[in-house]
PDB file of all heavy atoms in Angstrom:
ATOM      1  N   ARG A   1      13.524  17.003  12.051  1.00  0.00           N
ATOM      2  CA  ARG A   1      13.668  15.648  12.586  1.00  0.00           C
ATOM      3  C   ARG A   1      14.613  14.814  11.731  1.00  0.00           C
ATOM      4  O   ARG A   1      15.425  14.041  12.258  1.00  0.00           O
ATOM      5  CB  ARG A   1      12.296  14.970  12.671  1.00  0.00           C
ATOM      6  CG  ARG A   1      11.430  15.493  13.798  1.00  0.00           C
ATOM      7  CD  ARG A   1      10.014  14.980  13.696  1.00  0.00           C
ATOM      8  NE  ARG A   1       9.213  15.421  14.819  1.00  0.00           N
ATOM      9  CZ  ARG A   1       7.883  15.364  14.848  1.00  0.00           C
ATOM     10  NH1 ARG A   1       7.216  14.887  13.810  1.00  0.00           N
ATOM     11  NH2 ARG A   1       7.228  15.777  15.912  1.00  0.00           N
ATOM     12  N   ALA A   2      14.521  14.970  10.422  1.00  0.00           N
ATOM     13  CA  ALA A   2      15.408  14.214   9.538  1.00  0.00           C
ATOM     14  C   ALA A   2      16.866  14.565   9.799  1.00  0.00           C
ATOM     15  O   ALA A   2      17.733  13.692   9.879  1.00  0.00           O
ATOM     16  CB  ALA A   2      15.042  14.506   8.081  1.00  0.00           C
ATOM     17  N   ILE A   3      17.149  15.850   9.945  1.00  0.00           N
ATOM     18  CA  ILE A   3      18.521  16.295  10.187  1.00  0.00           C
ATOM     19  C   ILE A   3      19.032  15.795  11.533  1.00  0.00           C
ATOM     20  O   ILE A   3      20.123  15.215  11.634  1.00  0.00           O
ATOM     21  CB  ILE A   3      18.599  17.832  10.116  1.00  0.00           C
ATOM     22  CG1 ILE A   3      18.289  18.326   8.697  1.00  0.00           C
ATOM     23  CG2 ILE A   3      19.978  18.325  10.551  1.00  0.00           C
ATOM     24  CD1 ILE A   3      18.091  19.824   8.594  1.00  0.00           C
ATOM     25  N   VAL A   4      18.248  16.016  12.579  1.00  0.00           N
ATOM     26  CA  VAL A   4      18.693  15.659  13.922  1.00  0.00           C
ATOM     27  C   VAL A   4      18.823  14.150  14.071  1.00  0.00           C
ATOM     28  O   VAL A   4      19.788  13.647  14.667  1.00  0.00           O
ATOM     29  CB  VAL A   4      17.731  16.247  14.977  1.00  0.00           C
ATOM     30  CG1 VAL A   4      18.068  15.733  16.372  1.00  0.00           C
ATOM     31  CG2 VAL A   4      17.790  17.771  14.955  1.00  0.00           C
ATOM     32  N   ARG A   5      17.891  13.412  13.503  1.00  0.00           N
ATOM     33  CA  ARG A   5      17.953  11.945  13.642  1.00  0.00           C
ATOM     34  C   ARG A   5      19.109  11.358  12.852  1.00  0.00           C
ATOM     35  O   ARG A   5      19.716  10.370  13.280  1.00  0.00           O
ATOM     36  CB  ARG A   5      16.612  11.329  13.242  1.00  0.00           C
ATOM     37  CG  ARG A   5      15.519  11.693  14.228  1.00  0.00           C
ATOM     38  CD  ARG A   5      14.147  11.189  13.814  1.00  0.00           C
ATOM     39  NE  ARG A   5      13.139  11.735  14.719  1.00  0.00           N
ATOM     40  CZ  ARG A   5      11.850  11.412  14.673  1.00  0.00           C
ATOM     41  NH1 ARG A   5      11.401  10.581  13.754  1.00  0.00           N
ATOM     42  NH2 ARG A   5      11.007  11.944  15.535  1.00  0.00           N
ATOM     43  N   ARG A   6      19.414  11.961  11.696  1.00  0.00           N
ATOM     44  CA  ARG A   6      20.588  11.501  10.959  1.00  0.00           C
ATOM     45  C   ARG A   6      21.852  11.770  11.772  1.00  0.00           C
ATOM     46  O   ARG A   6      22.729  10.914  11.877  1.00  0.00           O
ATOM     47  CB  ARG A   6      20.654  12.183   9.601  1.00  0.00           C
ATOM     48  CG  ARG A   6      21.949  11.916   8.815  1.00  0.00           C
ATOM     49  CD  ARG A   6      22.211  10.434   8.612  1.00  0.00           C
ATOM     50  NE  ARG A   6      21.210   9.806   7.803  1.00  0.00           N
ATOM     51  CZ  ARG A   6      21.261   9.698   6.468  1.00  0.00           C
ATOM     52  NH1 ARG A   6      22.256  10.235   5.820  1.00  0.00           N
ATOM     53  NH2 ARG A   6      20.318   9.078   5.807  1.00  0.00           N
ATOM     54  N   ALA A   7      21.957  12.963  12.358  1.00  0.00           N
ATOM     55  CA  ALA A   7      23.127  13.276  13.178  1.00  0.00           C
ATOM     56  C   ALA A   7      23.217  12.344  14.381  1.00  0.00           C
ATOM     57  O   ALA A   7      24.309  11.879  14.757  1.00  0.00           O
ATOM     58  CB  ALA A   7      23.063  14.733  13.636  1.00  0.00           C
ATOM     59  N   ARG A   8      22.099  12.050  14.973  1.00  0.00           N
ATOM     60  CA  ARG A   8      22.078  11.143  16.127  1.00  0.00           C
ATOM     61  C   ARG A   8      22.492   9.731  15.717  1.00  0.00           C
ATOM     62  O   ARG A   8      23.262   9.072  16.434  1.00  0.00           O
ATOM     63  CB  ARG A   8      20.671  11.135  16.731  1.00  0.00           C
ATOM     64  CG  ARG A   8      20.509  10.232  17.954  1.00  0.00           C
ATOM     65  CD  ARG A   8      19.071  10.271  18.432  1.00  0.00           C
ATOM     66  NE  ARG A   8      18.768   9.173  19.338  1.00  0.00           N
ATOM     67  CZ  ARG A   8      17.574   8.666  19.523  1.00  0.00           C
ATOM     68  NH1 ARG A   8      16.533   9.164  18.851  1.00  0.00           N
ATOM     69  NH2 ARG A   8      17.367   7.679  20.361  1.00  0.00           N
ATOM     70  N   ALA A   9      22.025   9.278  14.566  1.00  0.00           N
ATOM     71  CA  ALA A   9      22.342   7.919  14.126  1.00  0.00           C
ATOM     72  C   ALA A   9      23.836   7.729  13.909  1.00  0.00           C
ATOM     73  O   ALA A   9      24.374   6.642  14.138  1.00  0.00           O
ATOM     74  CB  ALA A   9      21.580   7.603  12.837  1.00  0.00           C
ATOM     75  N   HIS A  10      24.537   8.786  13.481  1.00  0.00           N
ATOM     76  CA  HIS A  10      25.961   8.673  13.178  1.00  0.00           C
ATOM     77  C   HIS A  10      26.854   9.315  14.235  1.00  0.00           C
ATOM     78  O   HIS A  10      28.075   9.381  14.056  1.00  0.00           O
ATOM     79  CB  HIS A  10      26.259   9.303  11.812  1.00  0.00           C
ATOM     80  CG  HIS A  10      25.649   8.566  10.661  1.00  0.00           C
ATOM     81  ND1 HIS A  10      25.666   7.190  10.560  1.00  0.00           N
ATOM     82  CD2 HIS A  10      24.986   9.011   9.562  1.00  0.00           C
ATOM     83  CE1 HIS A  10      25.052   6.820   9.438  1.00  0.00           C
ATOM     84  NE2 HIS A  10      24.626   7.908   8.823  1.00  0.00           N
ATOM     85  N   GLY A  11      26.263   9.817  15.320  1.00  0.00           N
ATOM     86  CA  GLY A  11      27.070  10.416  16.369  1.00  0.00           C
ATOM     87  C   GLY A  11      27.797  11.666  15.924  1.00  0.00           C
ATOM     88  O   GLY A  11      28.922  11.937  16.356  1.00  0.00           O
ATOM     89  N   ILE A  12      27.147  12.464  15.074  1.00  0.00           N
ATOM     90  CA  ILE A  12      27.750  13.677  14.521  1.00  0.00           C
ATOM     91  C   ILE A  12      27.407  14.859  15.418  1.00  0.00           C
ATOM     92  O   ILE A  12      26.230  15.128  15.662  1.00  0.00           O
ATOM     93  CB  ILE A  12      27.231  13.922  13.086  1.00  0.00           C
ATOM     94  CG1 ILE A  12      27.679  12.776  12.168  1.00  0.00           C
ATOM     95  CG2 ILE A  12      27.695  15.273  12.554  1.00  0.00           C
ATOM     96  CD1 ILE A  12      26.967  12.767  10.834  1.00  0.00           C
ATOM     97  N   ASN A  13      28.427  15.585  15.897  1.00  0.00           N
ATOM     98  CA  ASN A  13      28.141  16.698  16.806  1.00  0.00           C
ATOM     99  C   ASN A  13      28.258  18.064  16.144  1.00  0.00           C
ATOM    100  O   ASN A  13      28.157  19.089  16.808  1.00  0.00           O
ATOM    101  CB  ASN A  13      29.033  16.636  18.047  1.00  0.00           C
ATOM    102  CG  ASN A  13      30.508  16.824  17.725  1.00  0.00           C
ATOM    103  OD1 ASN A  13      30.878  17.226  16.620  1.00  0.00           O
ATOM    104  ND2 ASN A  13      31.362  16.505  18.687  1.00  0.00           N
ATOM    105  N   ASP A  14      28.439  18.096  14.815  1.00  0.00           N
ATOM    106  CA  ASP A  14      28.642  19.359  14.096  1.00  0.00           C
ATOM    107  C   ASP A  14      27.461  20.316  14.211  1.00  0.00           C
ATOM    108  O   ASP A  14      27.628  21.534  14.101  1.00  0.00           O
ATOM    109  CB  ASP A  14      28.917  19.091  12.614  1.00  0.00           C
ATOM    110  CG  ASP A  14      30.160  18.252  12.387  1.00  0.00           C
ATOM    111  OD1 ASP A  14      30.212  17.127  12.926  1.00  0.00           O
ATOM    112  OD2 ASP A  14      31.069  18.712  11.657  1.00  0.00           O
ATOM    113  N   ILE A  15      26.262  19.795  14.403  1.00  0.00           N
ATOM    114  CA  ILE A  15      25.080  20.658  14.403  1.00  0.00           C
ATOM    115  C   ILE A  15      24.698  21.122  15.799  1.00  0.00           C
ATOM    116  O   ILE A  15      23.762  21.906  15.966  1.00  0.00           O
ATOM    117  CB  ILE A  15      23.864  19.953  13.748  1.00  0.00           C
ATOM    118  CG1 ILE A  15      23.397  18.757  14.590  1.00  0.00           C
ATOM    119  CG2 ILE A  15      24.189  19.518  12.324  1.00  0.00           C
ATOM    120  CD1 ILE A  15      22.082  18.159  14.110  1.00  0.00           C
ATOM    121  N   ALA A  16      25.407  20.663  16.814  1.00  0.00           N
ATOM    122  CA  ALA A  16      25.003  20.944  18.199  1.00  0.00           C
ATOM    123  C   ALA A  16      24.992  22.439  18.490  1.00  0.00           C
ATOM    124  O   ALA A  16      24.047  22.959  19.090  1.00  0.00           O
ATOM    125  CB  ALA A  16      25.924  20.209  19.171  1.00  0.00           C
ATOM    126  N   GLY A  17      26.023  23.145  18.081  1.00  0.00           N
ATOM    127  CA  GLY A  17      26.098  24.571  18.367  1.00  0.00           C
ATOM    128  C   GLY A  17      24.978  25.354  17.724  1.00  0.00           C
ATOM    129  O   GLY A  17      24.395  26.260  18.347  1.00  0.00           O
ATOM    130  N   CYS A  18      24.649  25.031  16.483  1.00  0.00           N
ATOM    131  CA  CYS A  18      23.560  25.709  15.777  1.00  0.00           C
ATOM    132  C   CYS A  18      22.223  25.446  16.458  1.00  0.00           C
ATOM    133  O   CYS A  18      21.393  26.346  16.584  1.00  0.00           O
ATOM    134  CB  CYS A  18      23.525  25.262  14.313  1.00  0.00           C
ATOM    135  SG  CYS A  18      22.299  26.123  13.304  1.00  0.00           S
ATOM    136  N   LEU A  19      22.009  24.225  16.915  1.00  0.00           N
ATOM    137  CA  LEU A  19      20.769  23.905  17.624  1.00  0.00           C
ATOM    138  C   LEU A  19      20.640  24.721  18.901  1.00  0.00           C
ATOM    139  O   LEU A  19      19.562  25.232  19.223  1.00  0.00           O
ATOM    140  CB  LEU A  19      20.718  22.413  17.943  1.00  0.00           C
ATOM    141  CG  LEU A  19      20.505  21.458  16.767  1.00  0.00           C
ATOM    142  CD1 LEU A  19      20.716  20.017  17.200  1.00  0.00           C
ATOM    143  CD2 LEU A  19      19.114  21.631  16.161  1.00  0.00           C
ATOM    144  N   MET A  20      21.735  24.852  19.649  1.00  0.00           N
ATOM    145  CA  MET A  20      21.688  25.633  20.885  1.00  0.00           C
ATOM    146  C   MET A  20      21.433  27.109  20.594  1.00  0.00           C
ATOM    147  O   MET A  20      20.660  27.772  21.289  1.00  0.00           O
ATOM    148  CB  MET A  20      22.992  25.468  21.656  1.00  0.00           C
ATOM    149  CG  MET A  20      23.228  24.066  22.191  1.00  0.00           C
ATOM    150  SD  MET A  20      24.800  23.963  23.105  1.00  0.00           S
ATOM    151  CE  MET A  20      25.205  22.232  22.872  1.00  0.00           C
ATOM    152  N   GLU A  21      22.081  27.625  19.544  1.00  0.00           N
ATOM    153  CA  GLU A  21      21.950  29.045  19.206  1.00  0.00           C
ATOM    154  C   GLU A  21      20.513  29.394  18.823  1.00  0.00           C
ATOM    155  O   GLU A  21      20.023  30.478  19.131  1.00  0.00           O
ATOM    156  CB  GLU A  21      22.902  29.389  18.069  1.00  0.00           C
ATOM    157  CG  GLU A  21      22.854  30.854  17.650  1.00  0.00           C
ATOM    158  CD  GLU A  21      23.788  31.143  16.486  1.00  0.00           C
ATOM    159  OE1 GLU A  21      24.533  30.223  16.058  1.00  0.00           O
ATOM    160  OE2 GLU A  21      23.764  32.288  15.985  1.00  0.00           O
ATOM    161  N   HIS A  22      19.831  28.464  18.164  1.00  0.00           N
ATOM    162  CA  HIS A  22      18.482  28.742  17.644  1.00  0.00           C
ATOM    163  C   HIS A  22      17.431  27.900  18.364  1.00  0.00           C
ATOM    164  O   HIS A  22      16.414  27.532  17.768  1.00  0.00           O
ATOM    165  CB  HIS A  22      18.432  28.469  16.146  1.00  0.00           C
ATOM    166  CG  HIS A  22      19.361  29.322  15.333  1.00  0.00           C
ATOM    167  ND1 HIS A  22      19.072  30.624  15.000  1.00  0.00           N
ATOM    168  CD2 HIS A  22      20.582  29.045  14.806  1.00  0.00           C
ATOM    169  CE1 HIS A  22      20.077  31.126  14.292  1.00  0.00           C
ATOM    170  NE2 HIS A  22      21.005  30.193  14.155  1.00  0.00           N
ATOM    171  N   ILE A  23      17.646  27.603  19.639  1.00  0.00           N
ATOM    172  CA  ILE A  23      16.773  26.665  20.340  1.00  0.00           C
ATOM    173  C   ILE A  23      15.330  27.154  20.398  1.00  0.00           C
ATOM    174  O   ILE A  23      14.394  26.348  20.373  1.00  0.00           O
ATOM    175  CB  ILE A  23      17.318  26.369  21.756  1.00  0.00           C
ATOM    176  CG1 ILE A  23      16.528  25.223  22.414  1.00  0.00           C
ATOM    177  CG2 ILE A  23      17.288  27.621  22.616  1.00  0.00           C
ATOM    178  CD1 ILE A  23      16.619  23.908  21.671  1.00  0.00           C
ATOM    179  N   ALA A  24      15.092  28.458  20.440  1.00  0.00           N
ATOM    180  CA  ALA A  24      13.709  28.948  20.475  1.00  0.00           C
ATOM    181  C   ALA A  24      12.989  28.600  19.184  1.00  0.00           C
ATOM    182  O   ALA A  24      11.822  28.179  19.201  1.00  0.00           O
ATOM    183  CB  ALA A  24      13.689  30.458  20.715  1.00  0.00           C
ATOM    184  N   PHE A  25      13.650  28.760  18.031  1.00  0.00           N
ATOM    185  CA  PHE A  25      13.057  28.419  16.747  1.00  0.00           C
ATOM    186  C   PHE A  25      12.812  26.917  16.642  1.00  0.00           C
ATOM    187  O   PHE A  25      11.801  26.467  16.094  1.00  0.00           O
ATOM    188  CB  PHE A  25      13.981  28.887  15.618  1.00  0.00           C
ATOM    189  CG  PHE A  25      13.474  28.595  14.226  1.00  0.00           C
ATOM    190  CD1 PHE A  25      12.367  29.261  13.715  1.00  0.00           C
ATOM    191  CD2 PHE A  25      14.112  27.664  13.424  1.00  0.00           C
ATOM    192  CE1 PHE A  25      11.901  28.990  12.433  1.00  0.00           C
ATOM    193  CE2 PHE A  25      13.666  27.386  12.140  1.00  0.00           C
ATOM    194  CZ  PHE A  25      12.556  28.059  11.641  1.00  0.00           C
ATOM    195  N   PHE A  26      13.745  26.127  17.190  1.00  0.00           N
ATOM    196  CA  PHE A  26      13.647  24.671  17.089  1.00  0.00           C
ATOM    197  C   PHE A  26      12.833  24.049  18.220  1.00  0.00           C
ATOM    198  O   PHE A  26      12.741  22.825  18.311  1.00  0.00           O
ATOM    199  CB  PHE A  26      15.044  24.051  17.088  1.00  0.00           C
ATOM    200  CG  PHE A  26      15.880  24.405  15.896  1.00  0.00           C
ATOM    201  CD1 PHE A  26      17.193  24.801  16.049  1.00  0.00           C
ATOM    202  CD2 PHE A  26      15.355  24.334  14.616  1.00  0.00           C
ATOM    203  CE1 PHE A  26      17.976  25.124  14.951  1.00  0.00           C
ATOM    204  CE2 PHE A  26      16.126  24.645  13.505  1.00  0.00           C
ATOM    205  CZ  PHE A  26      17.450  25.045  13.669  1.00  0.00           C
ATOM    206  N   ALA A  27      12.212  24.853  19.084  1.00  0.00           N
ATOM    207  CA  ALA A  27      11.528  24.334  20.265  1.00  0.00           C
ATOM    208  C   ALA A  27      10.500  23.240  19.970  1.00  0.00           C
ATOM    209  O   ALA A  27      10.383  22.286  20.757  1.00  0.00           O
ATOM    210  CB  ALA A  27      10.864  25.477  21.033  1.00  0.00           C
TER     211      ALA A  27
END
């Protein structure tokens, strides 16, 4: 949550691909 919310707060899209690749782990 800390990582995703920080990225969301600053509009950073660098982590989007990793989140999609590991979506089952991050469910």
